[in-house]
Amino acid sequence: SNQRVIIHFCVSDTGIGISKDKIDKIFQPFDQADTSTTRRYGGTGLGLSISTRLVELMGGKIWVDSQLGQGSKFHFTLQLGVSQSETPSREIAPVEALQGIKVLVVDDNLTNRKILDGQLSIWGMTVALAENGSKALVIMKEHASKKAPFKVALIDCMMPELDGLQLSSIIRNTPELNGTRIVILSSASQAGGSENREKFGIDAWLVKPVKHSELRTCLLTVLSETRPLSPSAIINNHGKVSGPVHGKNEKILIAEDNAINRTFALRLLQKAGYQVKCAENGLEVLDLLDKEQFDLILMDVSMPELDGYETTRKIRKIEEQTGRHITIIAMTAHALMEDRGRCLAAGMDDYVSKPVNIKELFEKMDFYFGIGAEPDSRLPLSS
């Protein structure tokens, strides 16, 4: 009508699918098709419940068509009002100044590369992609040899083998590449200090998730400036938490079955000066503990083979014979009081809720390593 419109959204996947007897259940709070703590797929069962409530509040409907083993199609409708304002909408066409500008995206995460490729292409930029630092250097030197160097490089900070800071340093110390502006994209801001930006020749530092408007403003700014920029030139205004660089020798074991979470935690702790090893499940944790000693374990509670709770109970049983006590901090998406109680009952010392607050994590670690004050949210908790 002239006043209202109904929009139908559909989100389709080719995943594991949902059996017919579970379809109605998945829209209820804290329910999933697979509720075991050692399930292969993560989540707490709240997402669809929250989505259902939001859709209903907006006068819409939500449903799913799914076949087990073939995938699912989630549908929802929304009733939205038609704007009566004659004010023209904001122009979101490509910024003229960015059209044709050559940009290199360096990120080991395929999804991140695709997202940036799509957004930069919308603005009319010419985009090249590299999955690691070594490949990026090959591409940059090839283009430089053809007298067509990249104007700007968007570089992920935490990459295996050659991280973003190391890559930036190499670019700055290679004459034929030195003219490229460097923008670091990071999930944490611990290296965003002015001394590091000067040391590695970084023109701008953006903390993920980066808004499109922030990225566009950043690109326009670095491309309009003549280097060297001021050390405080461009940093977006969120994610101000920075992890301390302890330079200590504490050994930390990360128990996490999700590869992305595991890699992020590994790089974050390594940059903070810790010795770190990883395990994908409880059985690997026990195997590593049989071979070497650790000062602290970050334990995901929902893992395949052997979950975090049972792994902790086995560790505490072993410690009854050895007399040792290793600090175990649970990493859990479950934040209810009874879930915290389960951590305590299993023998864990503390917990952090996912998504992990970096500042909170480091504060807890400092406390257990004897160099910080007692954190506000500590086990044991009263019921």
Protein backbone atom coordinates (compact mmCIF):
# COMPACT_ATOMS: atom_id res chain seq x y z
CA SER A 1 0.00 0.00 0.00
CA ASN A 2 0.99 3.65 0.04
CA GLN A 3 1.77 3.40 3.76
CA ARG A 4 3.23 -0.09 4.28
CA VAL A 5 5.21 -2.74 2.43
CA ILE A 6 5.98 -6.39 3.23
CA ILE A 7 9.52 -7.58 2.43
CA HIS A 8 10.32 -11.29 2.20
CA PHE A 9 13.89 -12.37 3.03
CA CYS A 10 15.36 -15.80 2.37
CA VAL A 11 18.71 -17.09 3.66
CA SER A 12 19.74 -20.32 1.95
CA ASP A 13 22.60 -22.70 2.76
CA THR A 14 23.92 -26.11 1.69
CA GLY A 15 24.74 -27.25 5.20
CA ILE A 16 23.77 -30.23 7.35
CA GLY A 17 20.02 -29.55 7.22
CA ILE A 18 17.43 -30.16 9.93
CA SER A 19 15.21 -33.20 10.40
CA LYS A 20 11.46 -32.56 10.22
CA ASP A 21 10.84 -33.54 13.84
CA LYS A 22 13.30 -30.86 15.02
CA ILE A 23 12.16 -27.93 12.85
CA ASP A 24 9.62 -26.49 15.33
CA LYS A 25 12.00 -27.01 18.25
CA ILE A 26 14.87 -24.88 16.91
CA PHE A 27 12.87 -21.66 17.25
CA GLN A 28 12.53 -22.19 21.03
CA PRO A 29 15.09 -20.62 23.42
CA PHE A 30 18.14 -22.75 24.30
CA ASP A 31 17.06 -25.59 21.99
CA GLN A 32 19.11 -27.05 19.16
CA ALA A 33 18.92 -29.98 16.83
CA ASP A 34 22.05 -31.31 18.58
CA THR A 35 22.32 -30.43 22.27
CA SER A 36 25.41 -32.42 23.27
CA THR A 37 28.39 -30.50 24.64
CA THR A 38 30.63 -32.43 22.26
CA ARG A 39 28.61 -31.53 19.17
CA ARG A 40 30.46 -30.68 15.96
CA TYR A 41 28.71 -27.35 15.50
CA GLY A 42 28.73 -24.43 17.96
CA GLY A 43 26.08 -22.07 19.32
CA THR A 44 23.84 -21.75 22.35
CA GLY A 45 20.40 -22.02 20.73
CA LEU A 46 19.47 -18.37 21.27
CA GLY A 47 19.91 -16.89 17.79
CA LEU A 48 16.74 -18.22 16.19
CA SER A 49 14.70 -17.51 19.32
CA ILE A 50 15.83 -13.87 19.35
CA SER A 51 15.22 -13.58 15.60
CA THR A 52 11.72 -15.01 16.02
CA ARG A 53 10.87 -12.51 18.74
CA LEU A 54 12.19 -9.57 16.72
CA VAL A 55 10.33 -10.62 13.57
CA GLU A 56 7.06 -11.08 15.49
CA LEU A 57 7.43 -7.68 17.17
CA MET A 58 7.76 -6.13 13.71
CA GLY A 59 4.60 -7.85 12.48
CA GLY A 60 6.32 -10.51 10.41
CA LYS A 61 6.64 -14.29 10.24
CA ILE A 62 9.62 -16.66 10.30
CA TRP A 63 9.87 -20.25 9.06
CA VAL A 64 12.28 -22.75 7.54
CA ASP A 65 12.29 -25.28 4.70
CA SER A 66 14.96 -27.92 5.23
CA GLN A 67 16.08 -31.36 4.14
CA LEU A 68 18.50 -33.37 6.27
CA GLY A 69 21.91 -33.53 4.63
CA GLN A 70 21.00 -31.09 1.85
CA GLY A 71 20.63 -27.71 3.50
CA SER A 72 18.07 -25.20 4.73
CA LYS A 73 16.17 -22.11 3.57
CA PHE A 74 15.21 -19.75 6.38
CA HIS A 75 12.49 -17.25 5.52
CA PHE A 76 11.13 -14.21 7.31
CA THR A 77 8.88 -11.31 6.41
CA LEU A 78 8.82 -7.78 7.81
CA GLN A 79 6.09 -5.15 7.61
CA LEU A 80 7.77 -1.80 7.08
CA GLY A 81 6.43 1.71 6.77
CA VAL A 82 6.94 3.69 3.59
CA SER A 83 8.83 6.92 4.14
CA GLN A 84 6.76 10.03 3.47
CA SER A 85 9.82 12.29 3.55
CA GLU A 86 10.82 13.99 0.33
CA THR A 87 14.41 14.42 1.57
CA PRO A 88 16.67 12.67 -0.95
CA SER A 89 18.49 9.63 0.42
CA ARG A 90 22.23 9.82 1.03
CA GLU A 91 24.22 9.00 -2.06
CA ILE A 92 26.06 5.71 -1.65
CA ALA A 93 27.52 5.59 -5.15
CA PRO A 94 31.29 5.04 -5.45
CA VAL A 95 33.42 7.98 -4.36
CA GLU A 96 34.90 9.46 -7.51
CA ALA A 97 38.33 9.86 -5.94
CA LEU A 98 38.61 6.10 -5.34
CA GLN A 99 37.64 4.98 -8.84
CA GLY A 100 40.47 3.16 -10.62
CA ILE A 101 42.77 3.23 -7.58
CA LYS A 102 44.75 -0.02 -7.27
CA VAL A 103 44.42 -1.68 -3.87
CA LEU A 104 45.87 -4.94 -2.55
CA VAL A 105 43.96 -6.88 0.13
CA VAL A 106 46.12 -9.23 2.24
CA ASP A 107 44.22 -11.55 4.58
CA ASP A 108 44.49 -15.27 5.31
CA ASN A 109 40.71 -15.47 5.86
CA LEU A 110 38.84 -16.14 2.60
CA THR A 111 35.59 -14.60 3.84
CA ASN A 112 37.32 -11.36 4.81
CA ARG A 113 38.97 -11.16 1.39
CA LYS A 114 35.65 -11.63 -0.38
CA ILE A 115 33.90 -9.00 1.73
CA LEU A 116 36.61 -6.39 1.15
CA ASP A 117 36.83 -7.27 -2.55
CA GLY A 118 33.10 -6.69 -2.93
CA GLN A 119 33.05 -3.40 -1.04
CA LEU A 120 36.14 -1.91 -2.68
CA SER A 121 34.86 -2.91 -6.13
CA ILE A 122 31.57 -1.08 -5.44
CA TRP A 123 33.63 2.08 -4.92
CA GLY A 124 35.26 1.55 -8.31
CA MET A 125 38.67 0.46 -7.04
CA THR A 126 40.85 -2.10 -8.85
CA VAL A 127 41.35 -4.93 -6.36
CA ALA A 128 43.95 -7.69 -6.08
CA LEU A 129 43.86 -10.35 -3.36
CA ALA A 130 46.58 -12.23 -1.49
CA GLU A 131 46.08 -14.94 1.13
CA ASN A 132 49.42 -14.39 2.90
CA GLY A 133 52.37 -12.04 3.18
CA SER A 134 54.66 -13.98 0.86
CA LYS A 135 52.08 -13.99 -1.93
CA ALA A 136 51.47 -10.27 -1.35
CA LEU A 137 55.15 -9.45 -1.88
CA VAL A 138 55.23 -11.46 -5.12
CA ILE A 139 52.15 -9.62 -6.45
CA MET A 140 53.45 -6.19 -5.39
CA LYS A 141 56.88 -6.72 -6.99
CA GLU A 142 55.28 -7.99 -10.19
CA HIS A 143 53.09 -4.89 -10.49
CA ALA A 144 55.95 -2.59 -9.53
CA SER A 145 58.13 -4.09 -12.30
CA LYS A 146 55.40 -3.12 -14.78
CA LYS A 147 55.39 0.46 -13.46
CA ALA A 148 51.88 -0.10 -12.07
CA PRO A 149 52.38 -0.22 -8.27
CA PHE A 150 49.56 -0.43 -5.76
CA LYS A 151 48.47 2.87 -4.25
CA VAL A 152 47.30 1.26 -1.01
CA ALA A 153 47.45 -2.12 0.75
CA LEU A 154 44.88 -3.31 3.31
CA ILE A 155 46.76 -5.81 5.48
CA ASP A 156 45.38 -8.08 8.19
CA CYS A 157 47.53 -7.85 11.32
CA MET A 158 47.33 -11.47 12.49
CA MET A 159 48.43 -13.88 9.76
CA PRO A 160 50.51 -17.06 9.99
CA GLU A 161 54.20 -17.12 8.99
CA LEU A 162 54.44 -13.45 8.03
CA ASP A 163 52.12 -11.20 10.02
CA GLY A 164 50.88 -7.75 9.05
CA LEU A 165 53.54 -5.81 10.94
CA GLN A 166 56.38 -7.86 9.51
CA LEU A 167 54.96 -7.47 6.00
CA SER A 168 54.62 -3.70 6.50
CA SER A 169 58.26 -3.47 7.58
CA ILE A 170 59.42 -5.36 4.47
CA ILE A 171 57.32 -3.11 2.20
CA ARG A 172 58.77 0.02 3.78
CA ASN A 173 62.33 -1.27 3.37
CA THR A 174 61.87 -2.27 -0.28
CA PRO A 175 62.46 0.81 -2.49
CA GLU A 176 60.18 -0.23 -5.36
CA LEU A 177 57.30 -0.87 -2.92
CA ASN A 178 57.82 1.99 -0.49
CA GLY A 179 55.27 4.30 -2.10
CA THR A 180 52.30 2.09 -1.21
CA ARG A 181 50.10 3.38 1.60
CA ILE A 182 49.61 0.76 4.33
CA VAL A 183 46.38 0.32 6.29
CA ILE A 184 46.42 -2.35 9.02
CA LEU A 185 43.16 -4.14 9.87
CA SER A 186 43.21 -5.82 13.26
CA SER A 187 40.84 -7.57 15.67
CA ALA A 188 42.81 -6.00 18.53
CA SER A 189 44.45 -2.61 18.95
CA GLN A 190 47.50 -3.64 20.96
CA ALA A 191 49.96 -2.59 18.25
CA GLY A 192 48.17 0.62 17.38
CA GLY A 193 50.51 2.83 19.41
CA SER A 194 52.30 5.69 17.66
CA GLU A 195 55.72 4.11 18.23
CA ASN A 196 54.68 0.95 16.39
CA ARG A 197 53.07 2.84 13.53
CA GLU A 198 56.31 4.76 13.07
CA LYS A 199 58.48 1.65 13.45
CA PHE A 200 56.61 -0.35 10.82
CA GLY A 201 55.70 2.55 8.53
CA ILE A 202 51.94 2.18 8.91
CA ASP A 203 49.74 4.96 7.54
CA ALA A 204 46.52 3.94 9.29
CA TRP A 205 45.25 1.40 11.83
CA LEU A 206 41.64 0.24 11.78
CA VAL A 207 40.11 -2.08 14.37
CA LYS A 208 37.67 -4.76 13.18
CA PRO A 209 34.80 -4.78 12.60
CA VAL A 210 35.40 -1.80 10.32
CA LYS A 211 32.39 0.18 9.17
CA HIS A 212 32.25 0.88 5.44
CA SER A 213 32.10 4.60 6.16
CA GLU A 214 35.26 4.39 8.30
CA LEU A 215 37.12 2.43 5.66
CA ARG A 216 36.12 4.83 2.90
CA THR A 217 37.12 7.88 4.94
CA CYS A 218 40.42 6.21 5.81
CA LEU A 219 41.24 5.42 2.18
CA LEU A 220 40.37 8.92 1.01
CA THR A 221 42.56 10.38 3.75
CA VAL A 222 45.68 8.24 3.28
CA LEU A 223 45.51 8.68 -0.48
CA SER A 224 45.28 12.46 -0.19
CA GLU A 225 48.17 12.79 2.24
CA THR A 226 51.86 12.94 1.49
CA ARG A 227 53.84 10.58 3.70
CA PRO A 228 55.09 10.40 6.29
CA LEU A 229 51.81 10.86 8.12
CA SER A 230 51.64 11.89 11.73
CA PRO A 231 51.98 8.85 14.03
CA SER A 232 48.45 9.55 15.28
CA ALA A 233 47.13 10.07 11.77
CA ILE A 234 44.24 7.62 11.55
CA ILE A 235 42.87 5.20 14.08
CA ASN A 236 39.18 4.42 14.25
CA ASN A 237 37.50 5.11 17.55
CA HIS A 238 36.41 1.66 18.71
CA GLY A 239 38.24 -1.33 20.15
CA LYS A 240 40.44 0.80 22.40
CA VAL A 241 41.35 -2.18 24.61
CA SER A 242 44.98 -3.15 24.20
CA GLY A 243 46.60 -6.33 25.41
CA PRO A 244 49.68 -5.96 27.60
CA VAL A 245 53.03 -7.20 26.34
CA HIS A 246 54.31 -9.09 29.35
CA GLY A 247 57.48 -10.57 27.94
CA LYS A 248 57.03 -13.46 30.38
CA ASN A 249 57.74 -17.15 29.95
CA GLU A 250 54.40 -18.54 31.09
CA LYS A 251 53.20 -21.48 29.01
CA ILE A 252 49.56 -21.43 27.97
CA LEU A 253 47.50 -24.21 26.42
CA ILE A 254 44.50 -23.23 24.28
CA ALA A 255 41.81 -25.93 24.05
CA GLU A 256 39.43 -24.86 21.27
CA ASP A 257 37.90 -26.84 18.38
CA ASN A 258 36.96 -23.78 16.29
CA ALA A 259 39.88 -23.02 13.97
CA ILE A 260 39.20 -19.28 13.73
CA ASN A 261 38.89 -18.82 17.50
CA ARG A 262 41.98 -20.96 18.03
CA THR A 263 44.12 -19.00 15.56
CA PHE A 264 43.02 -15.64 16.95
CA ALA A 265 43.79 -16.65 20.55
CA LEU A 266 47.14 -18.12 19.51
CA ARG A 267 48.31 -14.98 17.74
CA LEU A 268 46.98 -12.67 20.45
CA LEU A 269 48.80 -14.49 23.26
CA GLN A 270 52.01 -14.94 21.29
CA LYS A 271 52.15 -11.21 20.66
CA ALA A 272 51.67 -10.65 24.39
CA GLY A 273 54.88 -12.60 25.02
CA TYR A 274 53.51 -16.01 26.07
CA GLN A 275 54.55 -19.48 24.96
CA VAL A 276 51.42 -21.03 23.48
CA LYS A 277 50.27 -24.43 22.24
CA CYS A 278 46.87 -25.52 20.96
CA ALA A 279 44.62 -28.54 21.23
CA GLU A 280 41.41 -29.20 19.29
CA ASN A 281 39.70 -31.39 21.90
CA GLY A 282 40.00 -32.76 25.41
CA LEU A 283 41.89 -35.88 24.35
CA GLU A 284 44.62 -33.74 22.79
CA VAL A 285 44.76 -31.66 25.99
CA LEU A 286 45.40 -34.74 28.12
CA ASP A 287 48.00 -36.00 25.68
CA LEU A 288 49.91 -32.68 25.79
CA LEU A 289 49.75 -32.51 29.59
CA ASP A 290 51.27 -35.97 29.73
CA LYS A 291 54.30 -34.68 27.81
CA GLU A 292 54.88 -31.19 29.20
CA GLN A 293 53.78 -28.70 31.86
CA PHE A 294 51.65 -25.59 31.34
CA ASP A 295 50.91 -22.65 33.63
CA LEU A 296 47.36 -22.01 32.41
CA ILE A 297 44.72 -23.60 30.16
CA LEU A 298 42.07 -21.65 28.25
CA MET A 299 39.41 -24.35 27.98
CA ASP A 300 36.47 -24.24 25.57
CA VAL A 301 33.62 -26.13 27.23
CA SER A 302 32.01 -27.48 24.03
CA MET A 303 34.48 -29.67 22.14
CA PRO A 304 34.23 -32.96 20.25
CA GLU A 305 35.62 -36.25 21.59
CA LEU A 306 35.95 -34.93 25.18
CA ASP A 307 34.31 -31.67 26.29
CA GLY A 308 35.86 -29.06 28.56
CA TYR A 309 33.99 -30.11 31.69
CA GLU A 310 35.03 -33.76 31.50
CA THR A 311 38.58 -32.84 30.50
CA THR A 312 38.87 -30.62 33.57
CA ARG A 313 37.56 -33.38 35.85
CA LYS A 314 40.19 -35.77 34.48
CA ILE A 315 42.94 -33.19 34.98
CA ARG A 316 41.91 -32.58 38.59
CA LYS A 317 41.85 -36.34 39.20
CA ILE A 318 45.42 -36.63 37.92
CA GLU A 319 46.48 -33.69 40.10
CA GLU A 320 45.34 -35.53 43.20
CA GLN A 321 48.35 -37.79 42.62
CA THR A 322 50.85 -35.16 41.43
CA GLY A 323 50.00 -32.39 43.90
CA ARG A 324 50.07 -29.79 41.12
CA HIS A 325 47.25 -27.37 40.26
CA ILE A 326 47.10 -25.83 36.82
CA THR A 327 44.86 -22.80 36.39
CA ILE A 328 41.95 -23.51 34.05
CA ILE A 329 39.86 -20.65 32.66
CA ALA A 330 36.74 -21.73 30.80
CA MET A 331 35.82 -20.05 27.52
CA THR A 332 32.08 -20.39 27.13
CA ALA A 333 29.16 -18.89 25.28
CA HIS A 334 27.00 -19.95 28.25
CA ALA A 335 26.66 -17.07 30.70
CA LEU A 336 23.82 -18.24 32.93
CA MET A 337 24.44 -18.77 36.64
CA GLU A 338 23.89 -22.52 36.37
CA ASP A 339 26.47 -22.71 33.57
CA ARG A 340 29.00 -20.89 35.75
CA GLY A 341 28.17 -23.34 38.48
CA ARG A 342 29.00 -26.20 36.11
CA CYS A 343 32.45 -24.67 35.56
CA LEU A 344 33.03 -24.55 39.30
CA ALA A 345 31.73 -28.08 39.84
CA ALA A 346 34.04 -29.42 37.15
CA GLY A 347 37.05 -27.88 38.90
CA MET A 348 37.68 -24.81 36.75
CA ASP A 349 39.20 -21.74 38.37
CA ASP A 350 37.43 -19.07 36.33
CA TYR A 351 35.62 -18.35 33.08
CA VAL A 352 35.33 -15.78 30.31
CA SER A 353 32.21 -15.45 28.18
CA LYS A 354 32.34 -15.56 24.39
CA PRO A 355 32.86 -13.38 22.49
CA VAL A 356 35.92 -12.91 24.70
CA ASN A 357 36.62 -9.43 26.05
CA ILE A 358 40.38 -9.08 25.56
CA LYS A 359 40.86 -6.68 28.47
CA GLU A 360 38.94 -8.98 30.83
CA LEU A 361 40.94 -12.01 29.70
CA PHE A 362 44.30 -10.34 30.31
CA GLU A 363 43.15 -9.05 33.71
CA LYS A 364 42.22 -12.58 34.78
CA MET A 365 45.49 -14.00 33.48
CA ASP A 366 47.45 -11.30 35.32
CA PHE A 367 45.67 -12.20 38.55
CA TYR A 368 46.43 -15.91 38.28
CA PHE A 369 50.04 -15.19 37.35
CA GLY A 370 50.32 -13.03 40.48
CA ILE A 371 50.84 -9.66 38.77
CA GLY A 372 47.37 -8.13 38.89
CA ALA A 373 44.40 -7.34 41.11
CA GLU A 374 41.52 -9.77 41.62
CA PRO A 375 39.05 -9.45 38.72
CA ASP A 376 35.44 -8.48 39.38
CA SER A 377 33.87 -11.65 37.94
CA ARG A 378 35.67 -14.60 39.48
CA LEU A 379 34.72 -18.12 40.43
CA PRO A 380 33.64 -19.44 42.85
CA LEU A 381 30.18 -17.93 42.56
CA SER A 382 27.24 -18.25 44.89
CA SER A 383 24.17 -19.96 43.49
